Amino acid sequence: MNKVVFIKAYFAPVGEEKNVQVPTGKKKKGLFGQEVDEMRWEKKWVQTGFSDKQIDTTRLTKDLQEAVERLNKEGYEVISVIDVISGNYNWGASTGIDRSYGYGYGYSYTDGLIVVARKV
Protein backbone atom coordinates (compact mmCIF):
# COMPACT_ATOMS: atom_id res chain seq x y z
CA MET A 1 0.00 0.00 0.00
CA ASN A 2 1.35 3.43 -0.98
CA LYS A 3 0.60 6.91 0.30
CA VAL A 4 1.13 10.26 -1.46
CA VAL A 5 1.52 13.54 0.44
CA PHE A 6 1.77 17.07 -1.01
CA ILE A 7 3.87 19.67 0.83
CA LYS A 8 3.14 23.25 -0.17
CA ALA A 9 6.09 25.61 -0.71
CA TYR A 10 5.69 29.21 0.45
CA PHE A 11 7.47 32.33 -0.71
CA ALA A 12 10.19 33.70 1.56
CA PRO A 13 9.44 36.65 3.82
CA VAL A 14 11.10 39.93 2.86
CA GLY A 15 11.72 42.94 5.02
CA GLU A 16 14.09 45.65 6.04
CA GLU A 17 16.05 46.95 8.99
CA LYS A 18 14.07 49.57 10.89
CA ASN A 19 14.69 51.59 14.00
CA VAL A 20 12.15 50.53 16.63
CA GLN A 21 11.68 51.29 20.30
CA VAL A 22 12.05 48.37 22.69
CA PRO A 23 11.69 48.29 26.47
CA THR A 24 14.93 48.14 28.50
CA GLY A 25 13.30 46.32 31.42
CA LYS A 26 13.66 49.40 33.63
CA LYS A 27 10.96 51.80 34.80
CA LYS A 28 11.03 55.58 35.04
CA LYS A 29 8.69 58.30 36.19
CA GLY A 30 6.28 59.46 33.53
CA LEU A 31 4.82 62.90 32.87
CA PHE A 32 2.24 62.69 35.67
CA GLY A 33 4.38 60.68 38.10
CA GLN A 34 3.26 57.21 37.02
CA GLU A 35 5.81 54.50 36.23
CA VAL A 36 6.42 53.87 32.55
CA ASP A 37 8.75 51.54 30.69
CA GLU A 38 12.11 53.01 29.80
CA MET A 39 12.62 52.58 26.06
CA ARG A 40 15.65 52.54 23.79
CA TRP A 41 16.06 52.55 20.02
CA GLU A 42 17.51 49.55 18.22
CA LYS A 43 17.65 48.26 14.67
CA LYS A 44 15.37 45.32 14.07
CA TRP A 45 14.44 43.33 10.97
CA VAL A 46 10.76 43.90 10.19
CA GLN A 47 8.85 41.81 7.67
CA THR A 48 7.18 43.92 4.98
CA GLY A 49 5.75 41.16 2.79
CA PHE A 50 6.70 38.07 0.82
CA SER A 51 9.05 37.56 -2.10
CA ASP A 52 7.53 37.04 -5.52
CA LYS A 53 10.48 34.94 -6.69
CA GLN A 54 12.26 33.18 -3.82
CA ILE A 55 10.91 30.13 -1.98
CA ASP A 56 11.31 29.88 1.81
CA THR A 57 13.64 26.87 1.73
CA THR A 58 14.02 26.82 5.52
CA ARG A 59 10.28 26.39 5.98
CA LEU A 60 10.03 23.87 3.11
CA THR A 61 12.81 21.77 4.66
CA LYS A 62 11.08 21.84 8.06
CA ASP A 63 7.72 20.90 6.52
CA LEU A 64 9.33 18.03 4.59
CA GLN A 65 11.05 16.75 7.75
CA GLU A 66 7.75 16.79 9.64
CA ALA A 67 5.96 14.94 6.82
CA VAL A 68 8.66 12.25 6.64
CA GLU A 69 8.59 11.77 10.43
CA ARG A 70 4.78 11.52 10.38
CA LEU A 71 4.89 8.94 7.58
CA ASN A 72 7.55 6.93 9.42
CA LYS A 73 5.42 6.89 12.60
CA GLU A 74 2.48 5.61 10.53
CA GLY A 75 4.65 2.73 9.28
CA TYR A 76 5.56 4.13 5.84
CA GLU A 77 8.95 4.32 4.16
CA VAL A 78 9.59 7.24 1.79
CA ILE A 79 10.25 6.05 -1.76
CA SER A 80 10.69 9.40 -3.50
CA VAL A 81 10.32 13.16 -3.22
CA ILE A 82 9.32 14.97 -6.41
CA ASP A 83 9.29 18.74 -6.87
CA VAL A 84 6.24 20.38 -8.43
CA ILE A 85 7.09 23.37 -10.60
CA SER A 86 4.69 26.21 -11.42
CA GLY A 87 5.24 29.32 -13.47
CA ASN A 88 4.20 32.90 -13.87
CA TYR A 89 4.68 35.66 -16.41
CA ASN A 90 4.25 39.35 -17.01
CA TRP A 91 4.12 41.45 -20.14
CA GLY A 92 3.42 44.94 -21.30
CA ALA A 93 3.25 47.10 -24.39
CA SER A 94 3.36 50.76 -25.14
CA THR A 95 2.56 52.71 -28.27
CA GLY A 96 3.51 56.23 -29.05
CA ILE A 97 3.19 58.59 -31.99
CA ASP A 98 6.20 57.28 -33.88
CA ARG A 99 7.15 54.05 -32.07
CA SER A 100 5.86 51.17 -30.02
CA TYR A 101 7.43 48.38 -28.02
CA GLY A 102 6.53 45.39 -25.93
CA TYR A 103 8.18 43.16 -23.42
CA GLY A 104 7.47 39.88 -21.71
CA TYR A 105 9.08 37.46 -19.36
CA GLY A 106 8.27 34.25 -17.61
CA TYR A 107 9.73 32.30 -14.74
CA SER A 108 9.20 29.09 -12.81
CA TYR A 109 9.30 28.31 -9.10
CA THR A 110 8.86 25.33 -6.81
CA ASP A 111 5.19 25.09 -5.90
CA GLY A 112 5.67 22.19 -3.53
CA LEU A 113 6.88 18.64 -3.05
CA ILE A 114 5.13 15.32 -3.59
CA VAL A 115 6.26 12.59 -1.19
CA VAL A 116 5.55 9.00 -2.19
CA ALA A 117 5.78 6.43 0.60
CA ARG A 118 5.26 2.64 0.86
CA LYS A 119 3.80 0.76 3.84
CA VAL A 120 6.48 -1.46 5.41
C-alpha atoms as a PDB file:
ATOM      1  CA  MET A   1       0.000   0.000   0.000  1.00  0.00           C
ATOM      2  CA  ASN A   2       1.348   3.432  -0.980  1.00  0.00           C
ATOM      3  CA  LYS A   3       0.598   6.909   0.302  1.00  0.00           C
ATOM      4  CA  VAL A   4       1.132  10.260  -1.455  1.00  0.00           C
ATOM      5  CA  VAL A   5       1.516  13.542   0.442  1.00  0.00           C
ATOM      6  CA  PHE A   6       1.771  17.068  -1.008  1.00  0.00           C
ATOM      7  CA  ILE A   7       3.868  19.670   0.829  1.00  0.00           C
ATOM      8  CA  LYS A   8       3.138  23.254  -0.167  1.00  0.00           C
ATOM      9  CA  ALA A   9       6.088  25.612  -0.714  1.00  0.00           C
ATOM     10  CA  TYR A  10       5.695  29.212   0.453  1.00  0.00           C
ATOM     11  CA  PHE A  11       7.470  32.325  -0.714  1.00  0.00           C
ATOM     12  CA  ALA A  12      10.188  33.699   1.558  1.00  0.00           C
ATOM     13  CA  PRO A  13       9.441  36.647   3.822  1.00  0.00           C
ATOM     14  CA  VAL A  14      11.099  39.930   2.858  1.00  0.00           C
ATOM     15  CA  GLY A  15      11.720  42.944   5.018  1.00  0.00           C
ATOM     16  CA  GLU A  16      14.088  45.653   6.042  1.00  0.00           C
ATOM     17  CA  GLU A  17      16.046  46.949   8.992  1.00  0.00           C
ATOM     18  CA  LYS A  18      14.067  49.574  10.887  1.00  0.00           C
ATOM     19  CA  ASN A  19      14.691  51.594  14.003  1.00  0.00           C
ATOM     20  CA  VAL A  20      12.154  50.533  16.630  1.00  0.00           C
ATOM     21  CA  GLN A  21      11.681  51.293  20.296  1.00  0.00           C
ATOM     22  CA  VAL A  22      12.055  48.372  22.688  1.00  0.00           C
ATOM     23  CA  PRO A  23      11.688  48.290  26.472  1.00  0.00           C
ATOM     24  CA  THR A  24      14.925  48.144  28.501  1.00  0.00           C
ATOM     25  CA  GLY A  25      13.305  46.321  31.424  1.00  0.00           C
ATOM     26  CA  LYS A  26      13.660  49.397  33.635  1.00  0.00           C
ATOM     27  CA  LYS A  27      10.960  51.798  34.797  1.00  0.00           C
ATOM     28  CA  LYS A  28      11.034  55.577  35.038  1.00  0.00           C
ATOM     29  CA  LYS A  29       8.685  58.304  36.191  1.00  0.00           C
ATOM     30  CA  GLY A  30       6.284  59.459  33.529  1.00  0.00           C
ATOM     31  CA  LEU A  31       4.820  62.898  32.874  1.00  0.00           C
ATOM     32  CA  PHE A  32       2.238  62.687  35.669  1.00  0.00           C
ATOM     33  CA  GLY A  33       4.383  60.677  38.098  1.00  0.00           C
ATOM     34  CA  GLN A  34       3.258  57.209  37.021  1.00  0.00           C
ATOM     35  CA  GLU A  35       5.808  54.502  36.228  1.00  0.00           C
ATOM     36  CA  VAL A  36       6.418  53.867  32.547  1.00  0.00           C
ATOM     37  CA  ASP A  37       8.749  51.538  30.690  1.00  0.00           C
ATOM     38  CA  GLU A  38      12.108  53.011  29.801  1.00  0.00           C
ATOM     39  CA  MET A  39      12.618  52.581  26.056  1.00  0.00           C
ATOM     40  CA  ARG A  40      15.647  52.535  23.785  1.00  0.00           C
ATOM     41  CA  TRP A  41      16.061  52.555  20.024  1.00  0.00           C
ATOM     42  CA  GLU A  42      17.513  49.549  18.219  1.00  0.00           C
ATOM     43  CA  LYS A  43      17.650  48.261  14.670  1.00  0.00           C
ATOM     44  CA  LYS A  44      15.370  45.318  14.066  1.00  0.00           C
ATOM     45  CA  TRP A  45      14.441  43.332  10.965  1.00  0.00           C
ATOM     46  CA  VAL A  46      10.763  43.904  10.186  1.00  0.00           C
ATOM     47  CA  GLN A  47       8.850  41.812   7.668  1.00  0.00           C
ATOM     48  CA  THR A  48       7.177  43.924   4.983  1.00  0.00           C
ATOM     49  CA  GLY A  49       5.752  41.161   2.793  1.00  0.00           C
ATOM     50  CA  PHE A  50       6.695  38.074   0.821  1.00  0.00           C
ATOM     51  CA  SER A  51       9.050  37.561  -2.096  1.00  0.00           C
ATOM     52  CA  ASP A  52       7.530  37.042  -5.522  1.00  0.00           C
ATOM     53  CA  LYS A  53      10.483  34.945  -6.695  1.00  0.00           C
ATOM     54  CA  GLN A  54      12.262  33.183  -3.818  1.00  0.00           C
ATOM     55  CA  ILE A  55      10.907  30.131  -1.982  1.00  0.00           C
ATOM     56  CA  ASP A  56      11.306  29.881   1.805  1.00  0.00           C
ATOM     57  CA  THR A  57      13.644  26.871   1.728  1.00  0.00           C
ATOM     58  CA  THR A  58      14.017  26.821   5.518  1.00  0.00           C
ATOM     59  CA  ARG A  59      10.275  26.388   5.976  1.00  0.00           C
ATOM     60  CA  LEU A  60      10.027  23.873   3.113  1.00  0.00           C
ATOM     61  CA  THR A  61      12.814  21.770   4.662  1.00  0.00           C
ATOM     62  CA  LYS A  62      11.084  21.838   8.062  1.00  0.00           C
ATOM     63  CA  ASP A  63       7.717  20.899   6.523  1.00  0.00           C
ATOM     64  CA  LEU A  64       9.333  18.029   4.591  1.00  0.00           C
ATOM     65  CA  GLN A  65      11.054  16.751   7.748  1.00  0.00           C
ATOM     66  CA  GLU A  66       7.746  16.792   9.644  1.00  0.00           C
ATOM     67  CA  ALA A  67       5.965  14.943   6.819  1.00  0.00           C
ATOM     68  CA  VAL A  68       8.662  12.246   6.644  1.00  0.00           C
ATOM     69  CA  GLU A  69       8.590  11.775  10.429  1.00  0.00           C
ATOM     70  CA  ARG A  70       4.778  11.520  10.379  1.00  0.00           C
ATOM     71  CA  LEU A  71       4.887   8.939   7.581  1.00  0.00           C
ATOM     72  CA  ASN A  72       7.545   6.930   9.418  1.00  0.00           C
ATOM     73  CA  LYS A  73       5.421   6.892  12.600  1.00  0.00           C
ATOM     74  CA  GLU A  74       2.481   5.611  10.534  1.00  0.00           C
ATOM     75  CA  GLY A  75       4.653   2.730   9.279  1.00  0.00           C
ATOM     76  CA  TYR A  76       5.565   4.128   5.842  1.00  0.00           C
ATOM     77  CA  GLU A  77       8.946   4.319   4.157  1.00  0.00           C
ATOM     78  CA  VAL A  78       9.587   7.241   1.794  1.00  0.00           C
ATOM     79  CA  ILE A  79      10.247   6.047  -1.764  1.00  0.00           C
ATOM     80  CA  SER A  80      10.689   9.401  -3.497  1.00  0.00           C
ATOM     81  CA  VAL A  81      10.322  13.156  -3.216  1.00  0.00           C
ATOM     82  CA  ILE A  82       9.321  14.975  -6.414  1.00  0.00           C
ATOM     83  CA  ASP A  83       9.289  18.740  -6.873  1.00  0.00           C
ATOM     84  CA  VAL A  84       6.235  20.381  -8.427  1.00  0.00           C
ATOM     85  CA  ILE A  85       7.088  23.373 -10.605  1.00  0.00           C
ATOM     86  CA  SER A  86       4.691  26.209 -11.415  1.00  0.00           C
ATOM     87  CA  GLY A  87       5.242  29.320 -13.466  1.00  0.00           C
ATOM     88  CA  ASN A  88       4.205  32.899 -13.869  1.00  0.00           C
ATOM     89  CA  TYR A  89       4.681  35.664 -16.413  1.00  0.00           C
ATOM     90  CA  ASN A  90       4.249  39.354 -17.014  1.00  0.00           C
ATOM     91  CA  TRP A  91       4.115  41.446 -20.136  1.00  0.00           C
ATOM     92  CA  GLY A  92       3.421  44.938 -21.300  1.00  0.00           C
ATOM     93  CA  ALA A  93       3.255  47.099 -24.387  1.00  0.00           C
ATOM     94  CA  SER A  94       3.359  50.760 -25.139  1.00  0.00           C
ATOM     95  CA  THR A  95       2.565  52.709 -28.266  1.00  0.00           C
ATOM     96  CA  GLY A  96       3.511  56.229 -29.048  1.00  0.00           C
ATOM     97  CA  ILE A  97       3.186  58.593 -31.987  1.00  0.00           C
ATOM     98  CA  ASP A  98       6.196  57.285 -33.880  1.00  0.00           C
ATOM     99  CA  ARG A  99       7.154  54.052 -32.073  1.00  0.00           C
ATOM    100  CA  SER A 100       5.857  51.169 -30.019  1.00  0.00           C
ATOM    101  CA  TYR A 101       7.426  48.383 -28.020  1.00  0.00           C
ATOM    102  CA  GLY A 102       6.526  45.388 -25.934  1.00  0.00           C
ATOM    103  CA  TYR A 103       8.180  43.156 -23.423  1.00  0.00           C
ATOM    104  CA  GLY A 104       7.472  39.881 -21.708  1.00  0.00           C
ATOM    105  CA  TYR A 105       9.083  37.456 -19.355  1.00  0.00           C
ATOM    106  CA  GLY A 106       8.266  34.245 -17.605  1.00  0.00           C
ATOM    107  CA  TYR A 107       9.730  32.298 -14.736  1.00  0.00           C
ATOM    108  CA  SER A 108       9.202  29.091 -12.806  1.00  0.00           C
ATOM    109  CA  TYR A 109       9.297  28.314  -9.100  1.00  0.00           C
ATOM    110  CA  THR A 110       8.865  25.328  -6.805  1.00  0.00           C
ATOM    111  CA  ASP A 111       5.192  25.088  -5.905  1.00  0.00           C
ATOM    112  CA  GLY A 112       5.673  22.189  -3.528  1.00  0.00           C
ATOM    113  CA  LEU A 113       6.876  18.639  -3.048  1.00  0.00           C
ATOM    114  CA  ILE A 114       5.133  15.321  -3.592  1.00  0.00           C
ATOM    115  CA  VAL A 115       6.259  12.591  -1.193  1.00  0.00           C
ATOM    116  CA  VAL A 116       5.546   8.996  -2.190  1.00  0.00           C
ATOM    117  CA  ALA A 117       5.780   6.429   0.603  1.00  0.00           C
ATOM    118  CA  ARG A 118       5.264   2.645   0.861  1.00  0.00           C
ATOM    119  CA  LYS A 119       3.799   0.763   3.838  1.00  0.00           C
ATOM    120  CA  VAL A 120       6.476  -1.464   5.411  1.00  0.00           C
END
